Amino acid sequence: LAGARRWEEFRGAGEPIFIARKRQEVACIVYSSGTGGRPKGCMMTQENYLEQCIALTSIYPFWPGVRYLSILPTNHAIDFMVGFFGPFTCGATVVHLRTLRPEHVREAFPKYKITYVSLVPLVLKNLQKGLQARFESLPPGQRKIFNVLVGINKMLTKSRPRL
């Protein structure tokens, strides 16, 4: 790209130059993947990002010491806000894994003391498939105990409000 410079060229170049922006200025253009038709671009303003950050940090209250596990691609709109912008503005920590194999994701929670993680339906469906396969492989007695426990859980959480 004409005029583009590598990050390494800026090391030791002094303080970055602050450029004031107006809230209505376009910050970037986010493109859809085109799953619902042709790919489209949406112009996101500085204000769009500020308002998203305010809204999302009310759901995910970040502060120093909070640890967010980022398993979505950073170019995903949710992970960009919750896994980058929110923690960055609030001083929280973001944990990235080298692999998304289920055993590594599972181990990351206690190892890194994860506070939050964002998921999308595809990740949840894959998790459900894996769990379903494990439950189906249980001996009949254990499966029966599991089903009883699931029933108790449903009964106890029936009146709990859903988000």
Foldseek 3Di string as FASTA:
>chain_A
DPPDDDPVVCVPVDDDDDDDDDQAAFPDWQWDPQPVHHIDTDGAGNVNLVVVLVVVCVVVVEADPAEEEEPDPCSPPVCVRPVPVNCVVHVYHYDYDPDVPPVVVVVCCVVVVHDYYDDDPVVVVVVVVVVVVVLVPDPPVVNVVVVVVVVVVCVVCVPPDDD
